[in-house]
Amino acid sequence: MADSWSSATETAIFISIMARYDHLLIFKSTYNLCLLTYRLTWKYGRDYKYTLGEKMKEDAHGMLDILVETNSVANCEKGKLLNALLLKVEQFRMYARISCDLELITPESLGKVAELMEEISKQAGAWKGWVESQR
């Protein structure tokens, strides 16, 4: 009996933790960027799919990972993670621009990426400002 209660409690705690970040606008924007990245990079030619395309997907996933971690740590630790997120955003922005310059994605697609990147940057900056105000 104790084992089933323990398992149920652990499951409830896990679900509670999982639900803490998916309502955040920054998470939704980053998730949408990740989906868009997959939709754009699957068309890349062989020379770019496994280099530039993989790097973009890794960075998009990295941003999601950082957001989950940031939402799980104490406020005093969030600033460092948000700085890491902003760095990933800039790196991703550079790779998206290279993709457009190489004509792997259209300028319209780059515009969609840029909109999401701007949303993520603004939200991360606001979150970072809030964290710094809590000190």
Protein backbone atom coordinates (compact mmCIF):
# COMPACT_ATOMS: atom_id res chain seq x y z
CA MET A 1 0.00 0.00 0.00
CA ALA A 2 2.78 2.41 0.91
CA ASP A 3 4.51 1.69 -2.39
CA SER A 4 1.44 2.57 -4.46
CA TRP A 5 0.91 5.79 -2.49
CA SER A 6 4.56 6.66 -2.93
CA SER A 7 4.39 5.99 -6.64
CA ALA A 8 1.20 8.01 -7.01
CA THR A 9 2.72 10.87 -5.03
CA GLU A 10 5.87 10.83 -7.15
CA THR A 11 3.75 10.85 -10.31
CA ALA A 12 1.70 13.80 -9.02
CA ILE A 13 4.87 15.70 -8.13
CA PHE A 14 6.35 14.93 -11.56
CA ILE A 15 3.19 16.16 -13.32
CA SER A 16 3.19 19.27 -11.12
CA ILE A 17 6.79 20.02 -12.07
CA MET A 18 6.06 19.43 -15.75
CA ALA A 19 3.11 21.82 -15.66
CA ARG A 20 5.09 24.67 -14.16
CA TYR A 21 6.70 25.88 -17.37
CA ASP A 22 4.41 24.99 -20.25
CA HIS A 23 2.08 27.90 -19.51
CA LEU A 24 4.89 30.44 -19.88
CA LEU A 25 4.77 32.58 -23.02
CA ILE A 26 8.54 32.28 -23.41
CA PHE A 27 8.24 28.49 -23.40
CA LYS A 28 5.48 28.59 -26.02
CA SER A 29 7.54 30.89 -28.25
CA THR A 30 10.62 28.70 -27.88
CA TYR A 31 8.61 25.55 -28.51
CA ASN A 32 7.19 27.11 -31.68
CA LEU A 33 10.72 28.05 -32.75
CA CYS A 34 11.79 24.43 -32.23
CA LEU A 35 8.90 23.17 -34.39
CA LEU A 36 9.64 25.75 -37.07
CA THR A 37 13.29 24.72 -37.05
CA TYR A 38 12.36 21.13 -37.82
CA ARG A 39 10.00 22.23 -40.57
CA LEU A 40 12.67 24.38 -42.18
CA THR A 41 15.76 22.18 -41.82
CA TRP A 42 14.29 18.95 -43.17
CA LYS A 43 14.58 20.50 -46.64
CA TYR A 44 18.28 21.28 -46.30
CA GLY A 45 20.58 19.52 -48.71
CA ARG A 46 22.93 16.85 -47.47
CA ASP A 47 25.84 19.27 -47.13
CA TYR A 48 23.87 21.44 -44.70
CA LYS A 49 21.35 19.10 -43.06
CA TYR A 50 23.94 17.38 -40.87
CA THR A 51 25.95 20.48 -40.05
CA LEU A 52 24.02 23.74 -40.00
CA GLY A 53 20.61 22.07 -39.67
CA GLU A 54 21.70 19.88 -36.76
CA LYS A 55 23.31 22.84 -35.02
CA MET A 56 20.07 24.82 -35.29
CA LYS A 57 18.02 21.92 -33.92
CA GLU A 58 20.49 21.42 -31.05
CA ASP A 59 20.32 25.11 -30.16
CA ALA A 60 16.51 25.13 -30.30
CA HIS A 61 16.40 22.10 -28.00
CA GLY A 62 19.03 23.71 -25.80
CA MET A 63 16.81 26.77 -25.36
CA LEU A 64 13.92 24.56 -24.24
CA ASP A 65 16.20 22.70 -21.84
CA ILE A 66 17.45 25.95 -20.35
CA LEU A 67 13.89 27.20 -19.86
CA VAL A 68 12.84 24.05 -18.04
CA GLU A 69 15.90 24.28 -15.81
CA THR A 70 15.49 28.01 -15.22
CA ASN A 71 11.94 27.54 -14.06
CA SER A 72 13.07 24.81 -11.65
CA VAL A 73 15.89 26.57 -9.80
CA ALA A 74 15.98 29.21 -7.08
CA ASN A 75 15.79 32.85 -8.18
CA CYS A 76 19.45 33.43 -7.31
CA GLU A 77 20.44 30.87 -9.98
CA LYS A 78 18.10 32.04 -12.74
CA GLY A 79 20.26 34.95 -13.94
CA LYS A 80 23.11 32.73 -15.10
CA LEU A 81 20.71 30.45 -16.96
CA LEU A 82 18.91 33.36 -18.60
CA ASN A 83 22.28 34.68 -19.79
CA ALA A 84 22.94 31.24 -21.31
CA LEU A 85 19.53 31.37 -22.98
CA LEU A 86 20.23 34.80 -24.47
CA LEU A 87 23.56 33.50 -25.81
CA LYS A 88 21.78 30.55 -27.46
CA VAL A 89 19.27 32.96 -28.98
CA GLU A 90 22.06 34.98 -30.58
CA GLN A 91 23.82 31.87 -31.84
CA PHE A 92 20.58 30.59 -33.34
CA ARG A 93 19.92 33.97 -34.94
CA MET A 94 23.33 33.79 -36.62
CA TYR A 95 22.70 30.27 -37.98
CA ALA A 96 19.27 31.29 -39.29
CA ARG A 97 20.84 34.24 -41.09
CA ILE A 98 23.48 31.98 -42.62
CA SER A 99 20.69 29.64 -43.76
CA CYS A 100 18.94 32.52 -45.50
CA ASP A 101 22.15 33.82 -47.08
CA LEU A 102 22.82 30.32 -48.44
CA GLU A 103 19.24 30.30 -49.77
CA LEU A 104 18.33 27.30 -47.64
CA ILE A 105 15.37 29.20 -46.20
CA THR A 106 13.39 32.06 -47.69
CA PRO A 107 13.51 35.62 -46.39
CA GLU A 108 9.87 35.10 -45.30
CA SER A 109 10.91 32.09 -43.22
CA LEU A 110 13.76 34.10 -41.75
CA GLY A 111 11.18 36.75 -40.85
CA LYS A 112 9.11 34.16 -38.95
CA VAL A 113 12.23 32.99 -37.15
CA ALA A 114 13.19 36.59 -36.35
CA GLU A 115 9.75 37.29 -34.85
CA LEU A 116 10.01 34.29 -32.54
CA MET A 117 13.59 35.18 -31.64
CA GLU A 118 12.50 38.71 -30.76
CA GLU A 119 9.69 37.40 -28.55
CA ILE A 120 12.07 35.05 -26.77
CA SER A 121 14.70 37.77 -26.28
CA LYS A 122 12.18 40.25 -24.88
CA GLN A 123 10.65 37.71 -22.54
CA ALA A 124 14.04 36.47 -21.34
CA GLY A 125 15.19 40.06 -20.79
CA ALA A 126 12.07 40.86 -18.79
CA TRP A 127 12.46 37.69 -16.73
CA LYS A 128 16.11 38.53 -16.11
CA GLY A 129 15.11 42.05 -15.01
CA TRP A 130 12.58 40.60 -12.59
CA VAL A 131 15.19 38.19 -11.18
CA GLU A 132 17.65 41.04 -10.66
CA SER A 133 14.96 43.13 -8.91
CA GLN A 134 14.45 40.30 -6.42
CA ARG A 135 17.99 40.58 -5.06
